[in-house]
Amino acid sequence: MASTALRRLLWLPALSLALAACSGDAPTLISQTERSQAGSHAVAFSPDNQYLVVADTEENARLWRLADNEVIYSWQSMPEAPAMTSLVGFSGDGRFVATAEYDTVMLWSVASGEPFNRVQFPYPVRAMALSPTGNAILVALTNRTAVYFDINRNRVVHVFQHDGSNVNSPVDQLINAVAISPDGLYAMTGGDDWTARLWQLDNGEQLQIWPHNNSINFLAFHPEQPVVITAAANGYTHLREYPTGEERYFLRSSPWPSNLDYPDFPVFLMTTTAVAFSADGNYMVTGHANEQLCLWQFQSGEKISCWKTGRRAALNPGSVVQAVAFSADGQTIFSESGNGLAEQWQRR
C-alpha cells in the first residue's frame, strides 16, 4: 500500500490539471462605472432592473436610474448624521425601497422619492426582506430572532428562532439571512446554527430545516419558479424545490472534475453572495465573496464559466460581489461589487 506522502504526490498532478482547466469562455467586459469612491455596504436591483439602490459607506443611500446611470434620489432618515445605511432592498412589485440604519428601517417611494413609513426595532437589524407589496417586512435582529412585521398594522406577526441543536449549543443562534417568497406565502431564514429554514407565513409553522456545512449567509427565492437557493459561508450552494424541500443540485464552482467528489479543502468551496436568473429561464449568474462571477445552465446546474470582476488597482484586494442581474434578452450581465465598481458583461 502506498504511503500517505506518496498518495499525496500522485494526487497533486491531477489537482494541478483540474485547477488549470478552462472553465469556459468568460463574458467580455463592455463597461465599468464608479458607484462610490469608498465602496458600499449593500446593493440591490429593482425587480425590473430599471433601478439600483446602493448603501454607500460614506454617502446617503442612493437610488440610481440605470438607463442613464443617474442618481435620482438620496435617502437617509437623519440627513444631518453620517452615512448610516447598511442594508437595502426592494419590494417585490418594485414600488418601495427599504433602507436599514442600525435599528431603523425606512420605506421610500420609488415614484416620488418620499418616505413612506418608518419602523424602529428594539435591536439592530442584521438582514431584511420586504414582502411583495411592501406591506410587511422580515428582519433578522441581533437578539437572535427574526421578526415578521406587518407595517400597515404596526404589529409583530411572527417571531422566528434558530435553536442551537444542530451545532450542539444550548442557546439560540444568530440569524444572518432572510427572504420572502414572490407570492408572500413563505419565508426563509438562515443562521449560525448551520441551517436554512422554510416557514409558512400565515401561521408561522416551520416546514423545512436544511442542514449545511457552515453558517448560512445567503438565501433567495426564484422570482417565478418554486425554487430556493441556500448558501453557506465557504460552503456549498444548494438549489431546492419548495415547499417539498427536494434538492435539485448544488453548484460546483471549482474546476475539479464533476465525476469526482470534492476534497474537503476551502479552495473548492466558494461563498455565494448574489444570484440572478435570465428571463428565458435558461441561465443563472452568481456572485461570490472572492470577486468572482459564475454563469450556469439553470435546469442542470452545469457551470458555463467563471470570471473575475474588476479591481481599482492591480494590487488592491478583491471585493465581494453584492448584486447581479441579466438584461431582458439575457445577453448582458450586470454586476455590482463592494469596491464601488459597477460592470456590464457581454455573453459570448
Protein backbone atom coordinates (compact mmCIF):
# COMPACT_ATOMS: atom_id res chain seq x y z
CA MET A 1 0.00 0.00 0.00
CA ALA A 2 1.37 3.42 -0.92
CA SER A 3 2.32 5.70 1.94
CA THR A 4 0.25 8.79 2.71
CA ALA A 5 3.02 11.02 1.39
CA LEU A 6 3.23 9.04 -1.87
CA ARG A 7 -0.53 9.13 -2.36
CA ARG A 8 -0.44 12.89 -1.99
CA LEU A 9 2.33 13.18 -4.57
CA LEU A 10 0.42 11.02 -7.03
CA TRP A 11 -2.71 13.09 -6.47
CA LEU A 12 -1.12 16.53 -6.90
CA PRO A 13 -0.67 16.40 -10.72
CA ALA A 14 -4.35 15.62 -11.15
CA LEU A 15 -5.20 18.51 -8.83
CA SER A 16 -2.99 20.90 -10.77
CA LEU A 17 -4.54 19.88 -14.08
CA ALA A 18 -8.03 20.30 -12.70
CA LEU A 19 -7.34 23.76 -11.33
CA ALA A 20 -5.71 24.83 -14.60
CA ALA A 21 -8.60 23.62 -16.70
CA CYS A 22 -10.54 26.30 -18.56
CA SER A 23 -13.98 26.91 -17.08
CA GLY A 24 -15.43 28.09 -20.37
CA ASP A 25 -15.49 31.32 -22.36
CA ALA A 26 -16.00 34.16 -19.91
CA PRO A 27 -18.18 37.12 -20.91
CA THR A 28 -16.44 40.25 -22.19
CA LEU A 29 -16.31 43.43 -20.12
CA ILE A 30 -18.09 46.18 -22.04
CA SER A 31 -18.38 48.98 -19.44
CA GLN A 32 -17.33 49.96 -15.94
CA THR A 33 -18.93 52.67 -13.77
CA GLU A 34 -17.96 54.02 -10.37
CA ARG A 35 -20.93 53.95 -7.98
CA SER A 36 -18.99 55.17 -4.96
CA GLN A 37 -15.44 56.19 -4.14
CA ALA A 38 -15.14 54.33 -0.86
CA GLY A 39 -17.32 51.29 -1.59
CA SER A 40 -20.71 50.07 -0.46
CA HIS A 41 -22.27 48.00 2.32
CA ALA A 42 -25.03 46.57 0.11
CA VAL A 43 -26.61 46.89 -3.34
CA ALA A 44 -29.96 45.75 -4.77
CA PHE A 45 -31.51 45.77 -8.26
CA SER A 46 -35.19 46.53 -8.71
CA PRO A 47 -37.29 43.56 -9.94
CA ASP A 48 -37.48 45.08 -13.44
CA ASN A 49 -33.76 46.01 -13.39
CA GLN A 50 -34.54 49.66 -14.13
CA TYR A 51 -33.20 50.93 -10.81
CA LEU A 52 -30.44 50.20 -8.36
CA VAL A 53 -30.18 51.18 -4.71
CA VAL A 54 -26.74 51.47 -3.07
CA ALA A 55 -25.85 51.67 0.62
CA ASP A 56 -22.70 53.76 0.24
CA THR A 57 -20.13 53.59 3.03
CA GLU A 58 -19.66 57.38 3.06
CA GLU A 59 -22.83 58.78 1.46
CA ASN A 60 -26.56 58.51 1.96
CA ALA A 61 -28.34 55.58 0.31
CA ARG A 62 -28.80 56.47 -3.34
CA LEU A 63 -31.25 55.31 -5.99
CA TRP A 64 -29.74 55.06 -9.47
CA ARG A 65 -31.68 55.01 -12.73
CA LEU A 66 -29.78 52.51 -14.86
CA ALA A 67 -30.89 53.76 -18.28
CA ASP A 68 -28.66 56.83 -17.94
CA ASN A 69 -26.64 55.94 -14.79
CA GLU A 70 -28.03 58.93 -12.91
CA VAL A 71 -28.68 59.25 -9.18
CA ILE A 72 -32.30 60.35 -8.81
CA TYR A 73 -32.75 60.20 -5.01
CA SER A 74 -30.52 60.34 -1.93
CA TRP A 75 -32.06 58.89 1.22
CA GLN A 76 -31.35 58.90 4.94
CA SER A 77 -33.74 59.10 7.89
CA MET A 78 -31.48 61.68 9.61
CA PRO A 79 -29.87 63.69 6.79
CA GLU A 80 -27.54 65.55 9.16
CA ALA A 81 -25.98 62.33 10.50
CA PRO A 82 -23.04 60.46 8.93
CA ALA A 83 -23.87 57.77 6.38
CA MET A 84 -25.64 55.01 8.29
CA THR A 85 -27.41 52.78 5.77
CA SER A 86 -26.10 49.21 5.88
CA LEU A 87 -28.91 47.21 4.19
CA VAL A 88 -31.14 47.90 1.18
CA GLY A 89 -33.88 46.06 -0.68
CA PHE A 90 -36.89 46.43 -2.98
CA SER A 91 -40.44 45.27 -2.54
CA GLY A 92 -41.46 42.54 -4.98
CA ASP A 93 -43.57 44.95 -7.02
CA GLY A 94 -40.69 47.44 -7.21
CA ARG A 95 -42.70 50.34 -5.75
CA PHE A 96 -40.78 50.67 -2.50
CA VAL A 97 -37.21 50.58 -1.26
CA ALA A 98 -36.29 49.63 2.30
CA THR A 99 -33.13 51.00 3.89
CA ALA A 100 -31.84 49.89 7.29
CA GLU A 101 -29.92 52.26 9.56
CA TYR A 102 -28.86 50.47 12.75
CA ASP A 103 -32.24 49.68 14.39
CA THR A 104 -34.42 51.68 12.00
CA VAL A 105 -35.97 50.61 8.69
CA MET A 106 -37.22 53.30 6.33
CA LEU A 107 -39.54 52.70 3.39
CA TRP A 108 -39.23 55.05 0.42
CA SER A 109 -41.44 55.52 -2.63
CA VAL A 110 -39.60 54.85 -5.88
CA ALA A 111 -42.07 57.04 -7.79
CA SER A 112 -41.77 60.16 -5.62
CA GLY A 113 -38.64 59.60 -3.54
CA GLU A 114 -40.61 60.48 -0.41
CA PRO A 115 -40.53 58.43 2.81
CA PHE A 116 -43.50 56.09 3.08
CA ASN A 117 -43.03 54.59 6.54
CA ARG A 118 -40.54 54.24 9.38
CA VAL A 119 -40.19 51.23 11.67
CA GLN A 120 -37.85 51.15 14.66
CA PHE A 121 -36.90 47.84 16.28
CA PRO A 122 -35.54 47.27 19.80
CA TYR A 123 -32.31 45.76 18.42
CA PRO A 124 -30.03 46.44 15.42
CA VAL A 125 -31.10 44.90 12.10
CA ARG A 126 -28.76 42.27 10.60
CA ALA A 127 -30.78 41.32 7.50
CA MET A 128 -34.12 42.24 5.97
CA ALA A 129 -36.57 41.38 3.20
CA LEU A 130 -39.68 43.24 2.03
CA SER A 131 -42.94 41.50 1.15
CA PRO A 132 -44.12 41.58 -2.49
CA THR A 133 -46.28 44.68 -1.93
CA GLY A 134 -44.17 46.32 0.75
CA ASN A 135 -46.85 45.96 3.44
CA ALA A 136 -44.70 43.68 5.64
CA ILE A 137 -41.03 43.17 6.40
CA LEU A 138 -38.94 40.29 7.71
CA VAL A 139 -35.90 41.35 9.71
CA ALA A 140 -33.15 39.42 11.47
CA LEU A 141 -32.15 41.16 14.71
CA THR A 142 -29.07 40.95 16.91
CA ASN A 143 -31.12 39.35 19.70
CA ARG A 144 -31.06 36.04 17.77
CA THR A 145 -34.57 36.32 16.34
CA ALA A 146 -36.20 37.09 13.02
CA VAL A 147 -39.37 39.20 13.19
CA TYR A 148 -42.14 39.24 10.59
CA PHE A 149 -43.69 42.68 10.99
CA ASP A 150 -46.94 43.99 9.49
CA ILE A 151 -46.06 47.56 8.52
CA ASN A 152 -49.60 48.71 7.76
CA ARG A 153 -50.97 47.43 11.08
CA ASN A 154 -47.80 48.27 13.03
CA ARG A 155 -47.58 44.89 14.77
CA VAL A 156 -45.40 41.81 15.07
CA VAL A 157 -46.99 38.84 13.31
CA HIS A 158 -44.41 36.09 13.94
CA VAL A 159 -41.07 35.68 15.68
CA PHE A 160 -38.75 33.00 14.27
CA GLN A 161 -35.81 31.46 16.11
CA HIS A 162 -32.99 29.02 15.35
CA ASP A 163 -32.30 26.72 18.27
CA GLY A 164 -28.72 25.54 18.63
CA SER A 165 -29.38 21.78 18.46
CA ASN A 166 -27.75 21.37 15.05
CA VAL A 167 -24.45 22.76 16.39
CA ASN A 168 -24.79 21.25 19.88
CA SER A 169 -25.41 24.59 21.53
CA PRO A 170 -27.87 25.19 24.40
CA VAL A 171 -28.71 28.71 23.15
CA ASP A 172 -30.46 30.07 20.09
CA GLN A 173 -28.16 31.07 17.24
CA LEU A 174 -27.86 34.33 15.31
CA ILE A 175 -29.90 34.62 12.11
CA ASN A 176 -27.84 36.04 9.22
CA ALA A 177 -30.11 35.95 6.17
CA VAL A 178 -33.83 36.23 5.42
CA ALA A 179 -36.05 36.08 2.32
CA ILE A 180 -39.76 36.23 1.42
CA SER A 181 -41.24 34.28 -1.49
CA PRO A 182 -42.63 36.19 -4.50
CA ASP A 183 -46.20 35.18 -3.60
CA GLY A 184 -45.75 36.25 0.02
CA LEU A 185 -46.69 32.83 1.40
CA TYR A 186 -43.30 31.63 2.62
CA ALA A 187 -40.18 32.91 4.32
CA MET A 188 -36.66 31.57 4.72
CA THR A 189 -34.18 32.22 7.48
CA GLY A 190 -30.54 31.13 7.69
CA GLY A 191 -28.29 31.22 10.70
CA ASP A 192 -25.18 30.38 12.64
CA ASP A 193 -26.71 27.01 13.53
CA TRP A 194 -25.70 25.92 10.01
CA THR A 195 -29.32 25.53 8.90
CA ALA A 196 -31.70 27.24 6.48
CA ARG A 197 -35.36 27.03 7.44
CA LEU A 198 -38.59 27.42 5.47
CA TRP A 199 -41.61 28.92 7.23
CA GLN A 200 -45.27 29.34 6.31
CA LEU A 201 -46.14 32.98 6.87
CA ASP A 202 -49.88 32.72 7.53
CA ASN A 203 -49.38 30.61 10.67
CA GLY A 204 -45.64 30.76 11.40
CA GLU A 205 -45.19 26.98 11.01
CA GLN A 206 -41.71 25.65 10.22
CA LEU A 207 -41.98 23.49 7.10
CA GLN A 208 -38.36 22.55 6.35
CA ILE A 209 -34.97 22.62 8.02
CA TRP A 210 -31.93 22.19 5.76
CA PRO A 211 -28.54 21.50 7.41
CA HIS A 212 -25.38 22.85 5.74
CA ASN A 213 -21.67 22.63 6.45
CA ASN A 214 -21.24 26.18 7.72
CA SER A 215 -23.18 29.29 8.78
CA ILE A 216 -25.84 30.36 6.29
CA ASN A 217 -25.02 33.70 4.71
CA PHE A 218 -27.29 33.89 1.62
CA LEU A 219 -30.88 32.93 0.73
CA ALA A 220 -33.01 33.62 -2.33
CA PHE A 221 -36.32 32.63 -3.88
CA HIS A 222 -36.59 32.23 -7.65
CA PRO A 223 -38.87 35.04 -8.92
CA GLU A 224 -41.14 32.69 -10.92
CA GLN A 225 -40.44 29.05 -10.09
CA PRO A 226 -40.86 27.21 -6.75
CA VAL A 227 -37.09 27.05 -6.25
CA VAL A 228 -34.95 28.36 -3.40
CA ILE A 229 -31.20 28.90 -3.10
CA THR A 230 -29.41 28.43 0.20
CA ALA A 231 -25.70 29.13 0.60
CA ALA A 232 -23.29 28.53 3.45
CA ALA A 233 -20.22 30.61 4.22
CA ASN A 234 -17.27 28.98 2.43
CA GLY A 235 -19.51 26.08 1.54
CA TYR A 236 -21.95 24.60 -0.94
CA THR A 237 -24.79 26.47 -2.61
CA HIS A 238 -27.93 24.31 -2.91
CA LEU A 239 -31.00 24.61 -5.15
CA ARG A 240 -34.17 23.03 -3.81
CA GLU A 241 -37.84 22.95 -4.62
CA TYR A 242 -40.27 24.29 -2.06
CA PRO A 243 -42.29 23.56 -0.07
CA THR A 244 -41.27 19.90 -0.57
CA GLY A 245 -37.56 20.56 0.08
CA GLU A 246 -36.43 18.22 -2.70
CA GLU A 247 -32.88 19.08 -3.75
CA ARG A 248 -32.17 19.61 -7.45
CA TYR A 249 -28.39 20.05 -7.24
CA PHE A 250 -25.59 22.00 -5.62
CA LEU A 251 -23.29 24.33 -7.52
CA ARG A 252 -19.78 23.12 -8.32
CA SER A 253 -17.78 26.31 -8.76
CA SER A 254 -14.34 24.67 -8.72
CA PRO A 255 -12.69 23.29 -11.90
CA TRP A 256 -12.42 19.96 -10.07
CA PRO A 257 -13.87 17.25 -12.36
CA SER A 258 -17.60 16.77 -11.86
CA ASN A 259 -17.27 12.97 -11.78
CA LEU A 260 -15.09 13.15 -8.65
CA ASP A 261 -16.09 14.05 -5.10
CA TYR A 262 -14.74 17.32 -3.76
CA PRO A 263 -11.75 17.10 -1.43
CA ASP A 264 -12.54 18.86 1.83
CA PHE A 265 -10.36 21.90 1.13
CA PRO A 266 -11.60 25.52 1.29
CA VAL A 267 -10.25 26.21 -2.22
CA PHE A 268 -13.00 24.02 -3.66
CA LEU A 269 -15.79 25.86 -1.88
CA MET A 270 -16.97 29.37 -2.60
CA THR A 271 -19.34 31.64 -0.67
CA THR A 272 -22.29 32.82 -2.79
CA THR A 273 -23.39 36.41 -2.18
CA ALA A 274 -25.74 37.22 -5.09
CA VAL A 275 -27.86 35.47 -7.72
CA ALA A 276 -29.99 36.36 -10.75
CA PHE A 277 -31.93 34.39 -13.38
CA SER A 278 -32.37 35.11 -17.08
CA ALA A 279 -35.89 35.90 -18.28
CA ASP A 280 -35.99 32.82 -20.54
CA GLY A 281 -35.27 30.54 -17.58
CA ASN A 282 -32.16 29.03 -19.16
CA TYR A 283 -29.36 30.72 -17.23
CA MET A 284 -28.33 31.77 -13.76
CA VAL A 285 -25.49 34.04 -12.68
CA THR A 286 -23.99 34.02 -9.21
CA GLY A 287 -21.74 36.48 -7.44
CA HIS A 288 -19.25 35.45 -4.79
CA ALA A 289 -17.17 36.78 -1.93
CA ASN A 290 -13.89 36.31 -3.83
CA GLU A 291 -14.62 38.91 -6.60
CA GLN A 292 -15.86 36.10 -8.83
CA LEU A 293 -18.89 35.71 -11.09
CA CYS A 294 -20.15 32.41 -12.48
CA LEU A 295 -22.64 31.64 -15.27
CA TRP A 296 -24.68 28.42 -15.07
CA GLN A 297 -27.22 26.38 -17.01
CA PHE A 298 -30.19 26.77 -14.70
CA GLN A 299 -32.00 23.50 -15.40
CA SER A 300 -28.95 21.27 -14.96
CA GLY A 301 -26.70 23.31 -12.68
CA GLU A 302 -23.79 22.85 -15.10
CA LYS A 303 -21.22 25.61 -14.97
CA ILE A 304 -20.59 27.55 -18.19
CA SER A 305 -17.83 29.87 -17.00
CA CYS A 306 -16.41 31.79 -14.05
CA TRP A 307 -14.50 35.06 -14.21
CA LYS A 308 -13.21 37.87 -12.02
CA THR A 309 -14.70 41.32 -11.52
CA GLY A 310 -12.55 44.44 -11.71
CA ARG A 311 -10.25 45.94 -9.10
CA ARG A 312 -9.48 49.60 -8.55
CA ALA A 313 -5.77 48.78 -8.82
CA ALA A 314 -3.88 45.60 -9.63
CA LEU A 315 -2.55 45.24 -6.08
CA ASN A 316 -5.81 46.13 -4.35
CA PRO A 317 -7.62 43.23 -2.71
CA GLY A 318 -10.67 41.83 -4.44
CA SER A 319 -14.16 42.59 -3.17
CA VAL A 320 -17.50 40.92 -2.56
CA VAL A 321 -19.98 40.82 -5.45
CA GLN A 322 -23.08 42.35 -3.85
CA ALA A 323 -25.66 42.18 -6.68
CA VAL A 324 -26.07 40.72 -10.17
CA ALA A 325 -28.69 40.93 -12.91
CA PHE A 326 -29.43 40.00 -16.54
CA SER A 327 -30.61 42.26 -19.33
CA ALA A 328 -34.06 41.50 -20.73
CA ASP A 329 -32.60 39.48 -23.61
CA GLY A 330 -30.18 37.62 -21.33
CA GLN A 331 -27.13 38.67 -23.32
CA THR A 332 -25.74 41.20 -20.85
CA ILE A 333 -24.82 40.54 -17.21
CA PHE A 334 -24.63 43.35 -14.68
CA SER A 335 -22.51 43.13 -11.54
CA GLU A 336 -22.11 45.44 -8.55
CA SER A 337 -19.18 44.97 -6.18
CA GLY A 338 -18.37 46.22 -2.71
CA ASN A 339 -15.43 48.24 -4.02
CA GLY A 340 -17.90 50.62 -5.68
CA LEU A 341 -17.44 49.38 -9.25
CA ALA A 342 -20.39 48.51 -11.50
CA GLU A 343 -19.67 46.43 -14.58
CA GLN A 344 -21.51 45.17 -17.65
CA TRP A 345 -20.50 41.92 -19.33
CA GLN A 346 -21.43 40.71 -22.81
CA ARG A 347 -22.07 36.98 -23.10
CA ARG A 348 -20.17 35.21 -25.88
